[in-house]
Amino acid sequence: MFIRKKVRDVMVPIKEYTCTCEDCTLADAILDMRKVYCQVETGKCTEAGHRTSLVLKDGKVVGIIDFMTILKVLIPEISGGLSQKLEALSVSVAFAEAGAQDLDERNAHFRERVLSNAQVRVGNIMLKLRGTVEADAYLIDALKTLAKNKVTVLPVYEGEELVGVLRDSDLFLAAAGILTE
């Protein structure tokens, strides 16, 4: 029953979660996340993996990176302001109308830009950690912490020791389990 379950009952053990160091490159972190997110060796991407990676320094959680942060670093033009987006859109439309998308400078060297941007250090782009939870906390309390902090994952501790990660998807599945009880 959801109300009696504790975080430890549904969390992902830390040894099964993707972690990276703040001095690692974004490229290294992405490749580690991809191993867990997709079943690369079978040619499938099940989207069953983690959408975030904890950032560690000396074994302590100092931040987190997520898919949107990664995409904004790799392809910075997606996070520009409205005027930049409109400017980019009008230029792209002009090239498309002329049938000359290959001449659009934004498309040129895209691969090289992504590879270059992926060399940024994780510590320079990580998000601030907003909340943690104890392994013996009840799921309802963890859910309140997720909602209050507007996050999708919480590092799980037993005292000072990092033991796992609780994701919003873990709570969703636990709550959905009520329907099959």
C-alpha atoms as a PDB file:
ATOM      1  CA  MET A   1       0.000   0.000   0.000  1.00  0.00           C
ATOM      2  CA  PHE A   2       1.367   3.419  -1.070  1.00  0.00           C
ATOM      3  CA  ILE A   3       0.769   5.131   2.249  1.00  0.00           C
ATOM      4  CA  ARG A   4       2.912   2.597   4.144  1.00  0.00           C
ATOM      5  CA  LYS A   5       5.712   2.222   1.616  1.00  0.00           C
ATOM      6  CA  LYS A   6       9.000   3.854   2.280  1.00  0.00           C
ATOM      7  CA  VAL A   7      11.432   5.460  -0.134  1.00  0.00           C
ATOM      8  CA  ARG A   8      13.819   2.483   0.162  1.00  0.00           C
ATOM      9  CA  ASP A   9      11.044   0.247  -1.243  1.00  0.00           C
ATOM     10  CA  VAL A  10      10.991   1.995  -4.630  1.00  0.00           C
ATOM     11  CA  MET A  11      14.241   3.964  -4.975  1.00  0.00           C
ATOM     12  CA  VAL A  12      16.952   3.149  -7.494  1.00  0.00           C
ATOM     13  CA  PRO A  13      20.073   1.977  -5.634  1.00  0.00           C
ATOM     14  CA  ILE A  14      22.972   4.357  -6.200  1.00  0.00           C
ATOM     15  CA  LYS A  15      25.094   1.614  -7.791  1.00  0.00           C
ATOM     16  CA  GLU A  16      22.459   1.380 -10.550  1.00  0.00           C
ATOM     17  CA  TYR A  17      22.193   5.120 -11.140  1.00  0.00           C
ATOM     18  CA  THR A  18      24.229   7.337 -13.417  1.00  0.00           C
ATOM     19  CA  CYS A  19      26.672   9.592 -11.601  1.00  0.00           C
ATOM     20  CA  THR A  20      29.360  11.834 -13.007  1.00  0.00           C
ATOM     21  CA  CYS A  21      32.019  14.092 -11.572  1.00  0.00           C
ATOM     22  CA  GLU A  22      31.983  17.860 -11.811  1.00  0.00           C
ATOM     23  CA  ASP A  23      35.360  17.822 -13.590  1.00  0.00           C
ATOM     24  CA  CYS A  24      34.176  15.356 -16.260  1.00  0.00           C
ATOM     25  CA  THR A  25      33.261  16.586 -19.711  1.00  0.00           C
ATOM     26  CA  LEU A  26      29.648  16.690 -20.783  1.00  0.00           C
ATOM     27  CA  ALA A  27      30.564  14.168 -23.499  1.00  0.00           C
ATOM     28  CA  ASP A  28      31.655  11.644 -20.854  1.00  0.00           C
ATOM     29  CA  ALA A  29      28.471  12.204 -18.835  1.00  0.00           C
ATOM     30  CA  ILE A  30      26.277  11.810 -21.931  1.00  0.00           C
ATOM     31  CA  LEU A  31      27.913   8.539 -22.925  1.00  0.00           C
ATOM     32  CA  ASP A  32      27.443   7.179 -19.391  1.00  0.00           C
ATOM     33  CA  MET A  33      23.790   8.243 -19.364  1.00  0.00           C
ATOM     34  CA  ARG A  34      23.225   6.691 -22.775  1.00  0.00           C
ATOM     35  CA  LYS A  35      24.448   3.307 -21.542  1.00  0.00           C
ATOM     36  CA  VAL A  36      21.770   3.292 -18.862  1.00  0.00           C
ATOM     37  CA  TYR A  37      19.031   5.031 -20.842  1.00  0.00           C
ATOM     38  CA  CYS A  38      19.213   2.829 -23.922  1.00  0.00           C
ATOM     39  CA  GLN A  39      19.960  -0.784 -24.528  1.00  0.00           C
ATOM     40  CA  VAL A  40      22.558   0.224 -27.086  1.00  0.00           C
ATOM     41  CA  GLU A  41      24.028  -3.236 -27.512  1.00  0.00           C
ATOM     42  CA  THR A  42      20.627  -4.631 -28.624  1.00  0.00           C
ATOM     43  CA  GLY A  43      19.926  -1.695 -30.902  1.00  0.00           C
ATOM     44  CA  LYS A  44      16.910  -0.646 -28.821  1.00  0.00           C
ATOM     45  CA  CYS A  45      16.198   2.491 -26.889  1.00  0.00           C
ATOM     46  CA  THR A  46      13.497   1.650 -24.397  1.00  0.00           C
ATOM     47  CA  GLU A  47      13.538   4.986 -22.575  1.00  0.00           C
ATOM     48  CA  ALA A  48      13.592   2.980 -19.364  1.00  0.00           C
ATOM     49  CA  GLY A  49      16.779   4.565 -18.128  1.00  0.00           C
ATOM     50  CA  HIS A  50      17.452   7.652 -16.101  1.00  0.00           C
ATOM     51  CA  ARG A  51      16.902  11.121 -17.499  1.00  0.00           C
ATOM     52  CA  THR A  52      19.323  12.721 -15.068  1.00  0.00           C
ATOM     53  CA  SER A  53      22.776  12.162 -13.656  1.00  0.00           C
ATOM     54  CA  LEU A  54      23.939  13.082 -10.191  1.00  0.00           C
ATOM     55  CA  VAL A  55      27.094  15.191 -10.096  1.00  0.00           C
ATOM     56  CA  LEU A  56      29.534  14.124  -7.401  1.00  0.00           C
ATOM     57  CA  LYS A  57      32.587  15.692  -5.809  1.00  0.00           C
ATOM     58  CA  ASP A  58      34.517  13.654  -3.268  1.00  0.00           C
ATOM     59  CA  GLY A  59      31.571  11.237  -3.079  1.00  0.00           C
ATOM     60  CA  LYS A  60      29.080  13.997  -2.221  1.00  0.00           C
ATOM     61  CA  VAL A  61      26.231  15.162  -4.449  1.00  0.00           C
ATOM     62  CA  VAL A  62      26.916  18.732  -5.573  1.00  0.00           C
ATOM     63  CA  GLY A  63      24.439  19.033  -8.438  1.00  0.00           C
ATOM     64  CA  ILE A  64      22.509  17.321 -11.168  1.00  0.00           C
ATOM     65  CA  ILE A  65      22.340  17.405 -14.958  1.00  0.00           C
ATOM     66  CA  ASP A  66      19.239  16.585 -16.963  1.00  0.00           C
ATOM     67  CA  PHE A  67      18.303  16.112 -20.605  1.00  0.00           C
ATOM     68  CA  MET A  68      17.152  19.692 -21.185  1.00  0.00           C
ATOM     69  CA  THR A  69      20.320  21.170 -19.706  1.00  0.00           C
ATOM     70  CA  ILE A  70      22.377  18.876 -21.908  1.00  0.00           C
ATOM     71  CA  LEU A  71      20.452  19.852 -25.037  1.00  0.00           C
ATOM     72  CA  LYS A  72      20.738  23.563 -24.241  1.00  0.00           C
ATOM     73  CA  VAL A  73      24.516  23.235 -23.951  1.00  0.00           C
ATOM     74  CA  LEU A  74      24.955  21.067 -27.044  1.00  0.00           C
ATOM     75  CA  ILE A  75      22.590  23.199 -29.157  1.00  0.00           C
ATOM     76  CA  PRO A  76      22.546  26.654 -27.518  1.00  0.00           C
ATOM     77  CA  GLU A  77      20.300  28.239 -30.117  1.00  0.00           C
ATOM     78  CA  ILE A  78      17.329  26.291 -28.724  1.00  0.00           C
ATOM     79  CA  SER A  79      17.472  28.319 -25.517  1.00  0.00           C
ATOM     80  CA  GLY A  80      17.660  31.780 -27.050  1.00  0.00           C
ATOM     81  CA  GLY A  81      15.120  34.521 -26.469  1.00  0.00           C
ATOM     82  CA  LEU A  82      12.052  35.102 -28.609  1.00  0.00           C
ATOM     83  CA  SER A  83      13.751  37.615 -30.912  1.00  0.00           C
ATOM     84  CA  GLN A  84      16.611  35.165 -31.556  1.00  0.00           C
ATOM     85  CA  LYS A  85      14.142  32.376 -32.312  1.00  0.00           C
ATOM     86  CA  LEU A  86      12.137  34.585 -34.684  1.00  0.00           C
ATOM     87  CA  GLU A  87      15.304  35.733 -36.396  1.00  0.00           C
ATOM     88  CA  ALA A  88      16.489  32.144 -36.807  1.00  0.00           C
ATOM     89  CA  LEU A  89      13.052  31.063 -38.009  1.00  0.00           C
ATOM     90  CA  SER A  90      12.821  33.763 -40.669  1.00  0.00           C
ATOM     91  CA  VAL A  91      16.285  32.964 -42.003  1.00  0.00           C
ATOM     92  CA  SER A  92      15.484  29.235 -42.021  1.00  0.00           C
ATOM     93  CA  VAL A  93      12.171  29.885 -43.788  1.00  0.00           C
ATOM     94  CA  ALA A  94      13.958  32.008 -46.399  1.00  0.00           C
ATOM     95  CA  PHE A  95      16.455  29.218 -47.097  1.00  0.00           C
ATOM     96  CA  ALA A  96      13.657  26.626 -47.195  1.00  0.00           C
ATOM     97  CA  GLU A  97      11.587  28.724 -49.613  1.00  0.00           C
ATOM     98  CA  ALA A  98      14.638  29.055 -51.844  1.00  0.00           C
ATOM     99  CA  GLY A  99      15.297  25.300 -51.632  1.00  0.00           C
ATOM    100  CA  ALA A 100      18.739  26.058 -50.222  1.00  0.00           C
ATOM    101  CA  GLN A 101      18.673  24.592 -46.698  1.00  0.00           C
ATOM    102  CA  ASP A 102      22.227  23.347 -47.212  1.00  0.00           C
ATOM    103  CA  LEU A 103      23.413  26.969 -47.451  1.00  0.00           C
ATOM    104  CA  ASP A 104      21.876  27.948 -44.096  1.00  0.00           C
ATOM    105  CA  GLU A 105      24.908  28.753 -41.917  1.00  0.00           C
ATOM    106  CA  ARG A 106      23.217  27.425 -38.753  1.00  0.00           C
ATOM    107  CA  ASN A 107      23.118  23.943 -40.316  1.00  0.00           C
ATOM    108  CA  ALA A 108      26.739  24.120 -41.417  1.00  0.00           C
ATOM    109  CA  HIS A 109      29.186  22.489 -39.067  1.00  0.00           C
ATOM    110  CA  PHE A 110      26.395  21.334 -36.731  1.00  0.00           C
ATOM    111  CA  ARG A 111      28.229  18.128 -35.846  1.00  0.00           C
ATOM    112  CA  GLU A 112      31.437  20.001 -35.072  1.00  0.00           C
ATOM    113  CA  ARG A 113      29.594  22.502 -32.871  1.00  0.00           C
ATOM    114  CA  VAL A 114      27.953  19.708 -30.863  1.00  0.00           C
ATOM    115  CA  LEU A 115      31.301  17.953 -30.425  1.00  0.00           C
ATOM    116  CA  SER A 116      32.937  21.186 -29.321  1.00  0.00           C
ATOM    117  CA  ASN A 117      30.124  22.120 -26.934  1.00  0.00           C
ATOM    118  CA  ALA A 118      30.268  18.629 -25.388  1.00  0.00           C
ATOM    119  CA  GLN A 119      33.744  19.425 -24.044  1.00  0.00           C
ATOM    120  CA  VAL A 120      32.345  21.764 -21.387  1.00  0.00           C
ATOM    121  CA  ARG A 121      32.939  20.647 -17.793  1.00  0.00           C
ATOM    122  CA  VAL A 122      29.872  19.272 -16.006  1.00  0.00           C
ATOM    123  CA  GLY A 123      30.526  21.513 -12.995  1.00  0.00           C
ATOM    124  CA  ASN A 124      30.022  24.562 -15.214  1.00  0.00           C
ATOM    125  CA  ILE A 125      26.509  23.573 -16.291  1.00  0.00           C
ATOM    126  CA  MET A 126      25.073  21.450 -13.493  1.00  0.00           C
ATOM    127  CA  LEU A 127      21.839  22.424 -11.830  1.00  0.00           C
ATOM    128  CA  LYS A 128      21.611  23.196  -8.148  1.00  0.00           C
ATOM    129  CA  LEU A 129      20.425  20.307  -6.011  1.00  0.00           C
ATOM    130  CA  ARG A 130      16.980  21.100  -4.588  1.00  0.00           C
ATOM    131  CA  GLY A 131      16.078  18.617  -1.910  1.00  0.00           C
ATOM    132  CA  THR A 132      17.009  15.194  -0.596  1.00  0.00           C
ATOM    133  CA  VAL A 133      15.097  12.464   1.186  1.00  0.00           C
ATOM    134  CA  GLU A 134      15.856   9.817   3.800  1.00  0.00           C
ATOM    135  CA  ALA A 135      15.524   6.157   2.810  1.00  0.00           C
ATOM    136  CA  ASP A 136      13.083   5.544   5.670  1.00  0.00           C
ATOM    137  CA  ALA A 137      10.776   8.432   4.730  1.00  0.00           C
ATOM    138  CA  TYR A 138       7.264   7.544   3.624  1.00  0.00           C
ATOM    139  CA  LEU A 139       6.501   7.904  -0.091  1.00  0.00           C
ATOM    140  CA  ILE A 140       3.849  10.529   0.548  1.00  0.00           C
ATOM    141  CA  ASP A 141       6.460  12.718   2.270  1.00  0.00           C
ATOM    142  CA  ALA A 142       8.881  12.211  -0.620  1.00  0.00           C
ATOM    143  CA  LEU A 143       6.131  13.156  -3.065  1.00  0.00           C
ATOM    144  CA  LYS A 144       5.521  16.374  -1.123  1.00  0.00           C
ATOM    145  CA  THR A 145       9.251  17.150  -1.256  1.00  0.00           C
ATOM    146  CA  LEU A 146       9.343  16.594  -5.032  1.00  0.00           C
ATOM    147  CA  ALA A 147       6.330  18.847  -5.555  1.00  0.00           C
ATOM    148  CA  LYS A 148       7.502  21.570  -3.170  1.00  0.00           C
ATOM    149  CA  ASN A 149      10.928  21.768  -4.815  1.00  0.00           C
ATOM    150  CA  LYS A 150       9.592  21.309  -8.369  1.00  0.00           C
ATOM    151  CA  VAL A 151      12.086  18.540  -9.156  1.00  0.00           C
ATOM    152  CA  THR A 152      11.854  15.087 -10.698  1.00  0.00           C
ATOM    153  CA  VAL A 153      14.553  13.298  -8.681  1.00  0.00           C
ATOM    154  CA  LEU A 154      15.793  13.297  -5.114  1.00  0.00           C
ATOM    155  CA  PRO A 155      19.039  11.818  -3.817  1.00  0.00           C
ATOM    156  CA  VAL A 156      18.265   9.291  -1.066  1.00  0.00           C
ATOM    157  CA  TYR A 157      20.362   9.138   2.098  1.00  0.00           C
ATOM    158  CA  GLU A 158      20.774   6.922   5.107  1.00  0.00           C
ATOM    159  CA  GLY A 159      22.254   9.426   7.511  1.00  0.00           C
ATOM    160  CA  GLU A 160      25.254  10.869   5.662  1.00  0.00           C
ATOM    161  CA  GLU A 161      25.516   8.032   3.116  1.00  0.00           C
ATOM    162  CA  LEU A 162      24.095   8.405  -0.388  1.00  0.00           C
ATOM    163  CA  VAL A 163      22.211   5.142  -1.027  1.00  0.00           C
ATOM    164  CA  GLY A 164      19.946   5.822  -3.984  1.00  0.00           C
ATOM    165  CA  VAL A 165      17.788   8.076  -6.087  1.00  0.00           C
ATOM    166  CA  LEU A 166      14.035   8.497  -6.006  1.00  0.00           C
ATOM    167  CA  ARG A 167      12.489   9.544  -9.318  1.00  0.00           C
ATOM    168  CA  ASP A 168       9.023  10.911  -9.953  1.00  0.00           C
ATOM    169  CA  SER A 169       8.471   7.886 -12.195  1.00  0.00           C
ATOM    170  CA  ASP A 170       9.106   5.575  -9.219  1.00  0.00           C
ATOM    171  CA  LEU A 171       6.413   7.403  -7.264  1.00  0.00           C
ATOM    172  CA  PHE A 172       4.070   7.315 -10.257  1.00  0.00           C
ATOM    173  CA  LEU A 173       4.442   3.542 -10.556  1.00  0.00           C
ATOM    174  CA  ALA A 174       3.924   3.088  -6.810  1.00  0.00           C
ATOM    175  CA  ALA A 175       0.761   5.211  -6.906  1.00  0.00           C
ATOM    176  CA  ALA A 176      -0.466   3.460 -10.065  1.00  0.00           C
ATOM    177  CA  GLY A 177      -0.003   0.164  -8.232  1.00  0.00           C
ATOM    178  CA  ILE A 178      -2.960   1.134  -6.048  1.00  0.00           C
ATOM    179  CA  LEU A 179      -5.180   0.472  -9.071  1.00  0.00           C
ATOM    180  CA  THR A 180      -4.070  -3.159  -9.213  1.00  0.00           C
ATOM    181  CA  GLU A 181      -4.259  -3.925  -5.474  1.00  0.00           C
END
